[in-house]
């Protein structure tokens, strides 16, 4: 039963993961986010207590 022989399938698995881990991250990281992150100031915002109507 050739499907139980792990030698060729393990090599295919290892080579495919090497390809995925070497090519795909570079392609994914080349995309630019449409919303650039802007740093928020360190000042605290003033919060008012909520007046509940009941």
PDB file of N, CA and C in Angstrom:
ATOM      1  N   UNK A   1       0.845  -1.177   0.000  1.00  0.00           N
ATOM      2  CA  UNK A   1       0.000   0.000   0.000  1.00  0.00           C
ATOM      3  C   UNK A   1       0.892   1.242   0.000  1.00  0.00           C
ATOM      4  N   UNK A   2       1.036   1.926  -1.106  1.00  0.00           N
ATOM      5  CA  UNK A   2       1.993   3.030  -1.195  1.00  0.00           C
ATOM      6  C   UNK A   2       1.585   4.258  -0.381  1.00  0.00           C
ATOM      7  N   UNK A   3       0.311   4.430  -0.078  1.00  0.00           N
ATOM      8  CA  UNK A   3      -0.081   5.624   0.657  1.00  0.00           C
ATOM      9  C   UNK A   3       0.386   5.576   2.112  1.00  0.00           C
ATOM     10  N   UNK A   4       0.795   4.418   2.604  1.00  0.00           N
ATOM     11  CA  UNK A   4       1.291   4.316   3.969  1.00  0.00           C
ATOM     12  C   UNK A   4       2.791   4.554   4.071  1.00  0.00           C
ATOM     13  N   UNK A   5       3.462   4.699   2.939  1.00  0.00           N
ATOM     14  CA  UNK A   5       4.894   4.970   2.939  1.00  0.00           C
ATOM     15  C   UNK A   5       5.086   6.473   3.162  1.00  0.00           C
ATOM     16  N   UNK A   6       5.636   6.901   4.318  1.00  0.00           N
ATOM     17  CA  UNK A   6       5.714   8.336   4.613  1.00  0.00           C
ATOM     18  C   UNK A   6       6.835   9.074   3.887  1.00  0.00           C
ATOM     19  N   UNK A   7       7.739   8.354   3.242  1.00  0.00           N
ATOM     20  CA  UNK A   7       8.909   9.024   2.665  1.00  0.00           C
ATOM     21  C   UNK A   7       8.549  10.083   1.626  1.00  0.00           C
ATOM     22  N   UNK A   8       7.817   9.791   0.561  1.00  0.00           N
ATOM     23  CA  UNK A   8       7.578  10.871  -0.417  1.00  0.00           C
ATOM     24  C   UNK A   8       6.617  11.930   0.122  1.00  0.00           C
ATOM     25  N   UNK A   9       5.647  11.552   0.948  1.00  0.00           N
ATOM     26  CA  UNK A   9       4.665  12.521   1.424  1.00  0.00           C
ATOM     27  C   UNK A   9       5.257  13.469   2.450  1.00  0.00           C
ATOM     28  N   UNK A  10       6.163  12.963   3.253  1.00  0.00           N
ATOM     29  CA  UNK A  10       6.817  13.833   4.227  1.00  0.00           C
ATOM     30  C   UNK A  10       7.704  14.859   3.522  1.00  0.00           C
ATOM     31  N   UNK A  11       8.384  14.447   2.470  1.00  0.00           N
ATOM     32  CA  UNK A  11       9.221  15.382   1.712  1.00  0.00           C
ATOM     33  C   UNK A  11       8.357  16.446   1.041  1.00  0.00           C
ATOM     34  N   UNK A  12       7.217  16.052   0.498  1.00  0.00           N
ATOM     35  CA  UNK A  12       6.308  17.013  -0.117  1.00  0.00           C
ATOM     36  C   UNK A  12       5.799  17.991   0.932  1.00  0.00           C
ATOM     37  N   UNK A  13       5.458  17.500   2.102  1.00  0.00           N
ATOM     38  CA  UNK A  13       4.997  18.364   3.185  1.00  0.00           C
ATOM     39  C   UNK A  13       6.070  19.363   3.589  1.00  0.00           C
ATOM     40  N   UNK A  14       7.278  18.912   3.759  1.00  0.00           N
ATOM     41  CA  UNK A  14       8.365  19.794   4.197  1.00  0.00           C
ATOM     42  C   UNK A  14       8.665  20.840   3.125  1.00  0.00           C
ATOM     43  N   UNK A  15       8.747  20.435   1.864  1.00  0.00           N
ATOM     44  CA  UNK A  15       9.045  21.400   0.804  1.00  0.00           C
ATOM     45  C   UNK A  15       7.918  22.409   0.615  1.00  0.00           C
ATOM     46  N   UNK A  16       6.685  21.968   0.758  1.00  0.00           N
ATOM     47  CA  UNK A  16       5.582  22.920   0.611  1.00  0.00           C
ATOM     48  C   UNK A  16       5.589  23.935   1.754  1.00  0.00           C
ATOM     49  N   UNK A  17       5.896  23.504   2.985  1.00  0.00           N
ATOM     50  CA  UNK A  17       5.966  24.463   4.092  1.00  0.00           C
ATOM     51  C   UNK A  17       7.148  25.412   3.931  1.00  0.00           C
ATOM     52  N   UNK A  18       8.247  24.923   3.391  1.00  0.00           N
ATOM     53  CA  UNK A  18       9.384  25.818   3.141  1.00  0.00           C
ATOM     54  C   UNK A  18       8.994  26.888   2.131  1.00  0.00           C
ATOM     55  N   UNK A  19       8.264  26.489   1.090  1.00  0.00           N
ATOM     56  CA  UNK A  19       7.815  27.462   0.095  1.00  0.00           C
ATOM     57  C   UNK A  19       6.837  28.446   0.724  1.00  0.00           C
ATOM     58  N   UNK A  20       5.875  27.937   1.477  1.00  0.00           N
ATOM     59  CA  UNK A  20       4.890  28.821   2.103  1.00  0.00           C
ATOM     60  C   UNK A  20       5.551  29.804   3.059  1.00  0.00           C
ATOM     61  N   UNK A  21       6.496  29.347   3.851  1.00  0.00           N
ATOM     62  CA  UNK A  21       7.110  30.205   4.856  1.00  0.00           C
ATOM     63  C   UNK A  21       8.170  31.142   4.295  1.00  0.00           C
ATOM     64  N   UNK A  22       8.609  30.915   3.066  1.00  0.00           N
ATOM     65  CA  UNK A  22       9.616  31.803   2.499  1.00  0.00           C
ATOM     66  C   UNK A  22       9.037  32.788   1.497  1.00  0.00           C
ATOM     67  N   UNK A  23       7.994  32.419   0.770  1.00  0.00           N
ATOM     68  CA  UNK A  23       7.450  33.294  -0.273  1.00  0.00           C
ATOM     69  C   UNK A  23       6.249  34.082   0.223  1.00  0.00           C
ATOM     70  N   UNK A  24       5.313  33.449   0.872  1.00  0.00           N
ATOM     71  CA  UNK A  24       4.070  34.122   1.230  1.00  0.00           C
ATOM     72  C   UNK A  24       4.228  35.271   2.222  1.00  0.00           C
ATOM     73  N   UNK A  25       5.050  35.176   3.278  1.00  0.00           N
ATOM     74  CA  UNK A  25       5.166  36.338   4.173  1.00  0.00           C
ATOM     75  C   UNK A  25       5.666  37.587   3.458  1.00  0.00           C
ATOM     76  N   UNK A  26       6.569  37.438   2.500  1.00  0.00           N
ATOM     77  CA  UNK A  26       7.063  38.603   1.763  1.00  0.00           C
ATOM     78  C   UNK A  26       5.943  39.219   0.929  1.00  0.00           C
ATOM     79  N   UNK A  27       5.093  38.390   0.322  1.00  0.00           N
ATOM     80  CA  UNK A  27       3.988  38.909  -0.476  1.00  0.00           C
ATOM     81  C   UNK A  27       2.935  39.577   0.400  1.00  0.00           C
ATOM     82  N   UNK A  28       2.682  39.025   1.570  1.00  0.00           N
ATOM     83  CA  UNK A  28       1.674  39.599   2.466  1.00  0.00           C
ATOM     84  C   UNK A  28       2.175  40.920   3.054  1.00  0.00           C
ATOM     85  N   UNK A  29       3.441  40.979   3.415  1.00  0.00           N
ATOM     86  CA  UNK A  29       3.966  42.183   4.049  1.00  0.00           C
ATOM     87  C   UNK A  29       4.129  43.340   3.068  1.00  0.00           C
ATOM     88  N   UNK A  30       4.069  43.091   1.755  1.00  0.00           N
ATOM     89  CA  UNK A  30       4.173  44.167   0.778  1.00  0.00           C
ATOM     90  C   UNK A  30       2.896  44.985   0.670  1.00  0.00           C
ATOM     91  N   UNK A  31       1.792  44.473   1.174  1.00  0.00           N
ATOM     92  CA  UNK A  31       0.541  45.218   1.119  1.00  0.00           C
ATOM     93  C   UNK A  31       0.581  46.360   2.128  1.00  0.00           C
ATOM     94  N   UNK A  32       0.030  47.494   1.724  1.00  0.00           N
ATOM     95  CA  UNK A  32       0.012  48.675   2.576  1.00  0.00           C
ATOM     96  C   UNK A  32      -1.392  48.827   3.142  1.00  0.00           C
ATOM     97  N   UNK A  33      -1.461  49.095   4.407  1.00  0.00           N
ATOM     98  CA  UNK A  33      -2.757  49.298   5.056  1.00  0.00           C
ATOM     99  C   UNK A  33      -3.349  50.625   4.593  1.00  0.00           C
ATOM    100  N   UNK A  34      -4.634  50.667   4.232  1.00  0.00           N
ATOM    101  CA  UNK A  34      -5.221  51.925   3.781  1.00  0.00           C
ATOM    102  C   UNK A  34      -5.374  52.950   4.902  1.00  0.00           C
ATOM    103  N   UNK A  35      -5.443  52.506   6.128  1.00  0.00           N
ATOM    104  CA  UNK A  35      -5.580  53.414   7.268  1.00  0.00           C
ATOM    105  C   UNK A  35      -4.270  53.431   8.036  1.00  0.00           C
ATOM    106  N   UNK A  36      -3.528  54.499   7.873  1.00  0.00           N
ATOM    107  CA  UNK A  36      -2.266  54.611   8.595  1.00  0.00           C
ATOM    108  C   UNK A  36      -2.553  54.887  10.068  1.00  0.00           C
ATOM    109  N   UNK A  37      -1.765  54.322  10.932  1.00  0.00           N
ATOM    110  CA  UNK A  37      -1.952  54.470  12.368  1.00  0.00           C
ATOM    111  C   UNK A  37      -1.376  55.815  12.790  1.00  0.00           C
ATOM    112  N   UNK A  38      -2.194  56.607  13.468  1.00  0.00           N
ATOM    113  CA  UNK A  38      -1.728  57.894  13.979  1.00  0.00           C
ATOM    114  C   UNK A  38      -1.594  57.782  15.491  1.00  0.00           C
ATOM    115  N   UNK A  39      -0.491  58.229  16.041  1.00  0.00           N
ATOM    116  CA  UNK A  39      -0.323  58.134  17.501  1.00  0.00           C
ATOM    117  C   UNK A  39      -1.258  59.094  18.221  1.00  0.00           C
ATOM    118  N   UNK A  40      -1.804  58.622  19.309  1.00  0.00           N
ATOM    119  CA  UNK A  40      -2.707  59.425  20.120  1.00  0.00           C
ATOM    120  C   UNK A  40      -1.892  60.072  21.233  1.00  0.00           C
ATOM    121  N   UNK A  41      -2.231  61.305  21.559  1.00  0.00           N
ATOM    122  CA  UNK A  41      -1.498  62.020  22.607  1.00  0.00           C
ATOM    123  C   UNK A  41      -1.620  61.315  23.948  1.00  0.00           C
ATOM    124  N   UNK A  42      -0.694  61.625  24.844  1.00  0.00           N
ATOM    125  CA  UNK A  42      -0.663  60.974  26.148  1.00  0.00           C
ATOM    126  C   UNK A  42      -1.610  61.631  27.135  1.00  0.00           C
ATOM    127  N   UNK A  43      -2.250  62.732  26.740  1.00  0.00           N
ATOM    128  CA  UNK A  43      -3.135  63.419  27.678  1.00  0.00           C
ATOM    129  C   UNK A  43      -4.404  62.615  27.908  1.00  0.00           C
ATOM    130  N   UNK A  44      -4.899  62.705  29.135  1.00  0.00           N
ATOM    131  CA  UNK A  44      -6.123  61.982  29.481  1.00  0.00           C
ATOM    132  C   UNK A  44      -7.335  62.808  29.067  1.00  0.00           C
ATOM    133  N   UNK A  45      -8.340  62.130  28.586  1.00  0.00           N
ATOM    134  CA  UNK A  45      -9.566  62.800  28.204  1.00  0.00           C
ATOM    135  C   UNK A  45     -10.422  63.025  29.447  1.00  0.00           C
ATOM    136  N   UNK A  46     -11.065  64.173  29.484  1.00  0.00           N
ATOM    137  CA  UNK A  46     -11.919  64.490  30.614  1.00  0.00           C
ATOM    138  C   UNK A  46     -13.242  63.753  30.447  1.00  0.00           C
ATOM    139  N   UNK A  47     -13.604  62.985  31.435  1.00  0.00           N
ATOM    140  CA  UNK A  47     -14.863  62.246  31.390  1.00  0.00           C
ATOM    141  C   UNK A  47     -15.818  62.835  32.410  1.00  0.00           C
ATOM    142  N   UNK A  48     -17.039  63.059  31.990  1.00  0.00           N
ATOM    143  CA  UNK A  48     -18.063  63.591  32.880  1.00  0.00           C
ATOM    144  C   UNK A  48     -18.907  62.444  33.402  1.00  0.00           C
ATOM    145  N   UNK A  49     -19.371  62.531  34.660  1.00  0.00           N
ATOM    146  CA  UNK A  49     -20.245  61.461  35.158  1.00  0.00           C
ATOM    147  C   UNK A  49     -21.581  61.482  34.423  1.00  0.00           C
ATOM    148  N   UNK A  50     -22.154  60.325  34.253  1.00  0.00           N
ATOM    149  CA  UNK A  50     -23.418  60.187  33.539  1.00  0.00           C
ATOM    150  C   UNK A  50     -24.566  60.436  34.511  1.00  0.00           C
ATOM    151  N   UNK A  51     -25.468  61.351  34.126  1.00  0.00           N
ATOM    152  CA  UNK A  51     -26.651  61.626  34.949  1.00  0.00           C
ATOM    153  C   UNK A  51     -27.782  60.719  34.459  1.00  0.00           C
ATOM    154  N   UNK A  52     -28.096  59.718  35.251  1.00  0.00           N
ATOM    155  CA  UNK A  52     -29.149  58.797  34.862  1.00  0.00           C
ATOM    156  C   UNK A  52     -30.502  59.450  35.054  1.00  0.00           C
ATOM    157  N   UNK A  53     -31.442  59.269  34.122  1.00  0.00           N
ATOM    158  CA  UNK A  53     -32.739  59.973  34.206  1.00  0.00           C
ATOM    159  C   UNK A  53     -33.680  59.415  35.261  1.00  0.00           C
ATOM    160  N   UNK A  54     -33.379  58.348  35.941  1.00  0.00           N
ATOM    161  CA  UNK A  54     -34.328  57.820  36.929  1.00  0.00           C
ATOM    162  C   UNK A  54     -33.871  58.055  38.325  1.00  0.00           C
TER     163      UNK A  54
END
